[in-house]
């Protein structure tokens, strides 16, 4: 996964163009690099799936 793809996915989630995004186990560490650098990082909620994949959702209220 490259930076453009990760940013595009995160922006579409933040803008509510999609309800959730799927990140595979293989792409997770690269994706996470871009996610944690965002100002709105705490608005993204990741739900781990069996096997190491993660589904992310954008929440209106930042988590603590």
PDB file of N, CA and C in Angstrom:
ATOM      1  N   UNK A   1       0.858  -1.178   0.000  1.00  0.00           N
ATOM      2  CA  UNK A   1       0.000   0.000   0.000  1.00  0.00           C
ATOM      3  C   UNK A   1       0.901   1.238   0.000  1.00  0.00           C
ATOM      4  N   UNK A   2       0.609   2.158  -0.888  1.00  0.00           N
ATOM      5  CA  UNK A   2       1.391   3.385  -0.930  1.00  0.00           C
ATOM      6  C   UNK A   2       0.656   4.519  -0.215  1.00  0.00           C
ATOM      7  N   UNK A   3       1.357   5.625  -0.051  1.00  0.00           N
ATOM      8  CA  UNK A   3       0.811   6.752   0.700  1.00  0.00           C
ATOM      9  C   UNK A   3      -0.464   7.293   0.067  1.00  0.00           C
ATOM     10  N   UNK A   4      -0.470   7.438  -1.252  1.00  0.00           N
ATOM     11  CA  UNK A   4      -1.660   7.971  -1.938  1.00  0.00           C
ATOM     12  C   UNK A   4      -2.891   7.133  -1.678  1.00  0.00           C
ATOM     13  N   UNK A   5      -2.727   5.832  -1.769  1.00  0.00           N
ATOM     14  CA  UNK A   5      -3.851   4.923  -1.567  1.00  0.00           C
ATOM     15  C   UNK A   5      -4.361   5.016  -0.120  1.00  0.00           C
ATOM     16  N   UNK A   6      -3.457   5.038   0.842  1.00  0.00           N
ATOM     17  CA  UNK A   6      -3.849   5.121   2.248  1.00  0.00           C
ATOM     18  C   UNK A   6      -4.572   6.433   2.532  1.00  0.00           C
ATOM     19  N   UNK A   7      -4.035   7.537   2.040  1.00  0.00           N
ATOM     20  CA  UNK A   7      -4.650   8.840   2.274  1.00  0.00           C
ATOM     21  C   UNK A   7      -6.022   8.908   1.620  1.00  0.00           C
ATOM     22  N   UNK A   8      -6.141   8.367   0.422  1.00  0.00           N
ATOM     23  CA  UNK A   8      -7.423   8.357  -0.285  1.00  0.00           C
ATOM     24  C   UNK A   8      -8.463   7.568   0.510  1.00  0.00           C
ATOM     25  N   UNK A   9      -8.069   6.428   1.040  1.00  0.00           N
ATOM     26  CA  UNK A   9      -8.986   5.600   1.827  1.00  0.00           C
ATOM     27  C   UNK A   9      -9.421   6.335   3.095  1.00  0.00           C
ATOM     28  N   UNK A  10      -8.474   6.954   3.781  1.00  0.00           N
ATOM     29  CA  UNK A  10      -8.784   7.667   5.021  1.00  0.00           C
ATOM     30  C   UNK A  10      -9.674   8.872   4.763  1.00  0.00           C
ATOM     31  N   UNK A  11      -9.414   9.596   3.692  1.00  0.00           N
ATOM     32  CA  UNK A  11     -10.235  10.762   3.361  1.00  0.00           C
ATOM     33  C   UNK A  11     -11.658  10.361   2.990  1.00  0.00           C
ATOM     34  N   UNK A  12     -11.817   9.280   2.247  1.00  0.00           N
ATOM     35  CA  UNK A  12     -13.165   8.852   1.874  1.00  0.00           C
ATOM     36  C   UNK A  12     -13.947   8.393   3.101  1.00  0.00           C
ATOM     37  N   UNK A  13     -13.252   7.829   4.065  1.00  0.00           N
ATOM     38  CA  UNK A  13     -13.900   7.420   5.310  1.00  0.00           C
ATOM     39  C   UNK A  13     -14.278   8.654   6.137  1.00  0.00           C
ATOM     40  N   UNK A  14     -13.362   9.602   6.250  1.00  0.00           N
ATOM     41  CA  UNK A  14     -13.632  10.821   7.017  1.00  0.00           C
ATOM     42  C   UNK A  14     -14.770  11.637   6.408  1.00  0.00           C
ATOM     43  N   UNK A  15     -14.831  11.682   5.083  1.00  0.00           N
ATOM     44  CA  UNK A  15     -15.869  12.447   4.390  1.00  0.00           C
ATOM     45  C   UNK A  15     -17.188  11.690   4.270  1.00  0.00           C
ATOM     46  N   UNK A  16     -17.224  10.499   4.880  1.00  0.00           N
ATOM     47  CA  UNK A  16     -18.428   9.659   4.915  1.00  0.00           C
ATOM     48  C   UNK A  16     -18.894   9.215   3.525  1.00  0.00           C
ATOM     49  N   UNK A  17     -17.929   9.099   2.605  1.00  0.00           N
ATOM     50  CA  UNK A  17     -18.228   8.545   1.281  1.00  0.00           C
ATOM     51  C   UNK A  17     -18.404   7.036   1.388  1.00  0.00           C
ATOM     52  N   UNK A  18     -17.736   6.442   2.385  1.00  0.00           N
ATOM     53  CA  UNK A  18     -17.882   5.015   2.697  1.00  0.00           C
ATOM     54  C   UNK A  18     -18.063   4.886   4.207  1.00  0.00           C
ATOM     55  N   UNK A  19     -18.693   3.810   4.635  1.00  0.00           N
ATOM     56  CA  UNK A  19     -18.917   3.598   6.066  1.00  0.00           C
ATOM     57  C   UNK A  19     -17.714   2.985   6.763  1.00  0.00           C
ATOM     58  N   UNK A  20     -16.983   2.144   6.037  1.00  0.00           N
ATOM     59  CA  UNK A  20     -15.835   1.473   6.616  1.00  0.00           C
ATOM     60  C   UNK A  20     -14.829   1.122   5.532  1.00  0.00           C
ATOM     61  N   UNK A  21     -13.590   0.926   5.961  1.00  0.00           N
ATOM     62  CA  UNK A  21     -12.554   0.483   5.031  1.00  0.00           C
ATOM     63  C   UNK A  21     -11.903  -0.765   5.605  1.00  0.00           C
ATOM     64  N   UNK A  22     -11.454  -1.619   4.729  1.00  0.00           N
ATOM     65  CA  UNK A  22     -10.834  -2.883   5.092  1.00  0.00           C
ATOM     66  C   UNK A  22      -9.341  -2.780   4.815  1.00  0.00           C
ATOM     67  N   UNK A  23      -8.527  -3.114   5.814  1.00  0.00           N
ATOM     68  CA  UNK A  23      -7.074  -3.117   5.649  1.00  0.00           C
ATOM     69  C   UNK A  23      -6.580  -4.523   5.967  1.00  0.00           C
ATOM     70  N   UNK A  24      -5.891  -5.120   5.015  1.00  0.00           N
ATOM     71  CA  UNK A  24      -5.407  -6.483   5.207  1.00  0.00           C
ATOM     72  C   UNK A  24      -4.224  -6.509   6.167  1.00  0.00           C
ATOM     73  N   UNK A  25      -3.983  -7.651   6.700  1.00  0.00           N
ATOM     74  CA  UNK A  25      -2.884  -7.854   7.637  1.00  0.00           C
ATOM     75  C   UNK A  25      -1.555  -7.440   7.000  1.00  0.00           C
ATOM     76  N   UNK A  26      -1.383  -7.752   5.728  1.00  0.00           N
ATOM     77  CA  UNK A  26      -0.140  -7.447   5.020  1.00  0.00           C
ATOM     78  C   UNK A  26       0.082  -5.943   4.878  1.00  0.00           C
ATOM     79  N   UNK A  27      -0.992  -5.175   4.758  1.00  0.00           N
ATOM     80  CA  UNK A  27      -0.892  -3.728   4.552  1.00  0.00           C
ATOM     81  C   UNK A  27      -0.986  -2.918   5.835  1.00  0.00           C
ATOM     82  N   UNK A  28      -1.304  -3.553   6.933  1.00  0.00           N
ATOM     83  CA  UNK A  28      -1.618  -2.818   8.157  1.00  0.00           C
ATOM     84  C   UNK A  28      -0.493  -1.904   8.639  1.00  0.00           C
ATOM     85  N   UNK A  29       0.720  -2.387   8.734  1.00  0.00           N
ATOM     86  CA  UNK A  29       1.808  -1.574   9.289  1.00  0.00           C
ATOM     87  C   UNK A  29       2.091  -0.347   8.426  1.00  0.00           C
ATOM     88  N   UNK A  30       2.060  -0.492   7.117  1.00  0.00           N
ATOM     89  CA  UNK A  30       2.247   0.660   6.231  1.00  0.00           C
ATOM     90  C   UNK A  30       1.095   1.643   6.385  1.00  0.00           C
ATOM     91  N   UNK A  31      -0.126   1.128   6.411  1.00  0.00           N
ATOM     92  CA  UNK A  31      -1.314   1.955   6.561  1.00  0.00           C
ATOM     93  C   UNK A  31      -1.265   2.718   7.880  1.00  0.00           C
ATOM     94  N   UNK A  32      -0.869   2.052   8.939  1.00  0.00           N
ATOM     95  CA  UNK A  32      -0.819   2.644  10.273  1.00  0.00           C
ATOM     96  C   UNK A  32       0.130   3.842  10.325  1.00  0.00           C
ATOM     97  N   UNK A  33       1.232   3.766   9.583  1.00  0.00           N
ATOM     98  CA  UNK A  33       2.185   4.886   9.545  1.00  0.00           C
ATOM     99  C   UNK A  33       1.496   6.190   9.156  1.00  0.00           C
ATOM    100  N   UNK A  34       0.623   6.119   8.167  1.00  0.00           N
ATOM    101  CA  UNK A  34      -0.080   7.315   7.690  1.00  0.00           C
ATOM    102  C   UNK A  34      -1.230   7.688   8.625  1.00  0.00           C
ATOM    103  N   UNK A  35      -1.862   6.695   9.195  1.00  0.00           N
ATOM    104  CA  UNK A  35      -2.997   6.936  10.084  1.00  0.00           C
ATOM    105  C   UNK A  35      -2.585   7.705  11.335  1.00  0.00           C
ATOM    106  N   UNK A  36      -1.526   7.278  12.001  1.00  0.00           N
ATOM    107  CA  UNK A  36      -1.155   7.884  13.282  1.00  0.00           C
ATOM    108  C   UNK A  36      -0.611   9.308  13.133  1.00  0.00           C
ATOM    109  N   UNK A  37      -0.246   9.718  11.936  1.00  0.00           N
ATOM    110  CA  UNK A  37       0.268  11.065  11.707  1.00  0.00           C
ATOM    111  C   UNK A  37      -0.846  12.093  11.499  1.00  0.00           C
ATOM    112  N   UNK A  38      -2.068  11.621  11.364  1.00  0.00           N
ATOM    113  CA  UNK A  38      -3.197  12.520  11.102  1.00  0.00           C
ATOM    114  C   UNK A  38      -3.643  13.240  12.367  1.00  0.00           C
ATOM    115  N   UNK A  39      -4.098  14.477  12.189  1.00  0.00           N
ATOM    116  CA  UNK A  39      -4.618  15.255  13.319  1.00  0.00           C
ATOM    117  C   UNK A  39      -5.888  14.630  13.889  1.00  0.00           C
ATOM    118  N   UNK A  40      -6.669  13.985  13.028  1.00  0.00           N
ATOM    119  CA  UNK A  40      -7.930  13.380  13.467  1.00  0.00           C
ATOM    120  C   UNK A  40      -7.797  11.875  13.743  1.00  0.00           C
ATOM    121  N   UNK A  41      -6.598  11.447  14.081  1.00  0.00           N
ATOM    122  CA  UNK A  41      -6.296  10.035  14.335  1.00  0.00           C
ATOM    123  C   UNK A  41      -7.280   9.383  15.302  1.00  0.00           C
ATOM    124  N   UNK A  42      -7.650  10.090  16.357  1.00  0.00           N
ATOM    125  CA  UNK A  42      -8.508   9.504  17.390  1.00  0.00           C
ATOM    126  C   UNK A  42      -9.964   9.363  16.960  1.00  0.00           C
ATOM    127  N   UNK A  43     -10.283   9.797  15.769  1.00  0.00           N
ATOM    128  CA  UNK A  43     -11.630   9.616  15.244  1.00  0.00           C
ATOM    129  C   UNK A  43     -11.769   8.304  14.465  1.00  0.00           C
ATOM    130  N   UNK A  44     -10.655   7.636  14.237  1.00  0.00           N
ATOM    131  CA  UNK A  44     -10.689   6.375  13.511  1.00  0.00           C
ATOM    132  C   UNK A  44     -10.715   5.222  14.506  1.00  0.00           C
ATOM    133  N   UNK A  45     -11.652   4.337  14.303  1.00  0.00           N
ATOM    134  CA  UNK A  45     -11.820   3.183  15.182  1.00  0.00           C
ATOM    135  C   UNK A  45     -11.525   1.921  14.383  1.00  0.00           C
ATOM    136  N   UNK A  46     -10.552   1.151  14.844  1.00  0.00           N
ATOM    137  CA  UNK A  46     -10.189  -0.085  14.157  1.00  0.00           C
ATOM    138  C   UNK A  46     -10.733  -1.295  14.878  1.00  0.00           C
ATOM    139  N   UNK A  47     -11.323  -2.192  14.124  1.00  0.00           N
ATOM    140  CA  UNK A  47     -11.885  -3.411  14.687  1.00  0.00           C
ATOM    141  C   UNK A  47     -11.119  -4.585  14.088  1.00  0.00           C
ATOM    142  N   UNK A  48     -10.328  -5.243  14.941  1.00  0.00           N
ATOM    143  CA  UNK A  48      -9.510  -6.365  14.487  1.00  0.00           C
ATOM    144  C   UNK A  48     -10.390  -7.544  14.098  1.00  0.00           C
ATOM    145  N   UNK A  49      -9.997  -8.181  13.025  1.00  0.00           N
ATOM    146  CA  UNK A  49     -10.701  -9.357  12.542  1.00  0.00           C
ATOM    147  C   UNK A  49      -9.837 -10.590  12.776  1.00  0.00           C
ATOM    148  N   UNK A  50     -10.441 -11.719  12.755  1.00  0.00           N
ATOM    149  CA  UNK A  50      -9.704 -12.965  12.882  1.00  0.00           C
ATOM    150  C   UNK A  50      -8.719 -13.061  11.720  1.00  0.00           C
ATOM    151  N   UNK A  51      -7.480 -13.356  12.017  1.00  0.00           N
ATOM    152  CA  UNK A  51      -6.475 -13.483  10.982  1.00  0.00           C
ATOM    153  C   UNK A  51      -5.602 -12.248  10.821  1.00  0.00           C
ATOM    154  N   UNK A  52      -5.924 -11.170  11.529  1.00  0.00           N
ATOM    155  CA  UNK A  52      -5.068  -9.995  11.513  1.00  0.00           C
ATOM    156  C   UNK A  52      -5.525  -8.844  10.645  1.00  0.00           C
ATOM    157  N   UNK A  53      -6.594  -8.999   9.893  1.00  0.00           N
ATOM    158  CA  UNK A  53      -7.124  -7.896   9.102  1.00  0.00           C
ATOM    159  C   UNK A  53      -7.856  -6.926  10.024  1.00  0.00           C
ATOM    160  N   UNK A  54      -8.051  -5.684   9.558  1.00  0.00           N
ATOM    161  CA  UNK A  54      -8.704  -4.666  10.396  1.00  0.00           C
ATOM    162  C   UNK A  54      -9.737  -3.907   9.567  1.00  0.00           C
ATOM    163  N   UNK A  55     -10.887  -3.641  10.177  1.00  0.00           N
ATOM    164  CA  UNK A  55     -11.913  -2.802   9.570  1.00  0.00           C
ATOM    165  C   UNK A  55     -11.924  -1.484  10.342  1.00  0.00           C
ATOM    166  N   UNK A  56     -11.794  -0.378   9.615  1.00  0.00           N
ATOM    167  CA  UNK A  56     -11.788   0.944  10.237  1.00  0.00           C
ATOM    168  C   UNK A  56     -13.089   1.666   9.953  1.00  0.00           C
ATOM    169  N   UNK A  57     -13.542   2.391  10.965  1.00  0.00           N
ATOM    170  CA  UNK A  57     -14.714   3.261  10.851  1.00  0.00           C
ATOM    171  C   UNK A  57     -14.323   4.627  11.387  1.00  0.00           C
ATOM    172  N   UNK A  58     -15.031   5.647  10.922  1.00  0.00           N
ATOM    173  CA  UNK A  58     -14.793   7.013  11.404  1.00  0.00           C
ATOM    174  C   UNK A  58     -15.893   7.358  12.383  1.00  0.00           C
ATOM    175  N   UNK A  59     -15.494   7.799  13.567  1.00  0.00           N
ATOM    176  CA  UNK A  59     -16.471   8.157  14.602  1.00  0.00           C
ATOM    177  C   UNK A  59     -16.433   9.667  14.817  1.00  0.00           C
ATOM    178  N   UNK A  60     -17.608  10.253  15.058  1.00  0.00           N
ATOM    179  CA  UNK A  60     -17.708  11.698  15.202  1.00  0.00           C
ATOM    180  C   UNK A  60     -17.030  12.241  16.454  1.00  0.00           C
ATOM    181  N   UNK A  61     -17.109  11.501  17.537  1.00  0.00           N
ATOM    182  CA  UNK A  61     -16.497  11.938  18.781  1.00  0.00           C
ATOM    183  C   UNK A  61     -15.176  11.201  18.979  1.00  0.00           C
ATOM    184  N   UNK A  62     -14.101  11.946  19.161  1.00  0.00           N
ATOM    185  CA  UNK A  62     -12.780  11.336  19.320  1.00  0.00           C
ATOM    186  C   UNK A  62     -12.753  10.417  20.523  1.00  0.00           C
ATOM    187  N   UNK A  63     -12.079   9.294  20.354  1.00  0.00           N
ATOM    188  CA  UNK A  63     -11.940   8.380  21.492  1.00  0.00           C
ATOM    189  C   UNK A  63     -10.885   8.935  22.430  1.00  0.00           C
ATOM    190  N   UNK A  64     -10.904   8.504  23.660  1.00  0.00           N
ATOM    191  CA  UNK A  64      -9.970   9.051  24.652  1.00  0.00           C
ATOM    192  C   UNK A  64      -8.615   8.403  24.597  1.00  0.00           C
TER     193      UNK A  64
END
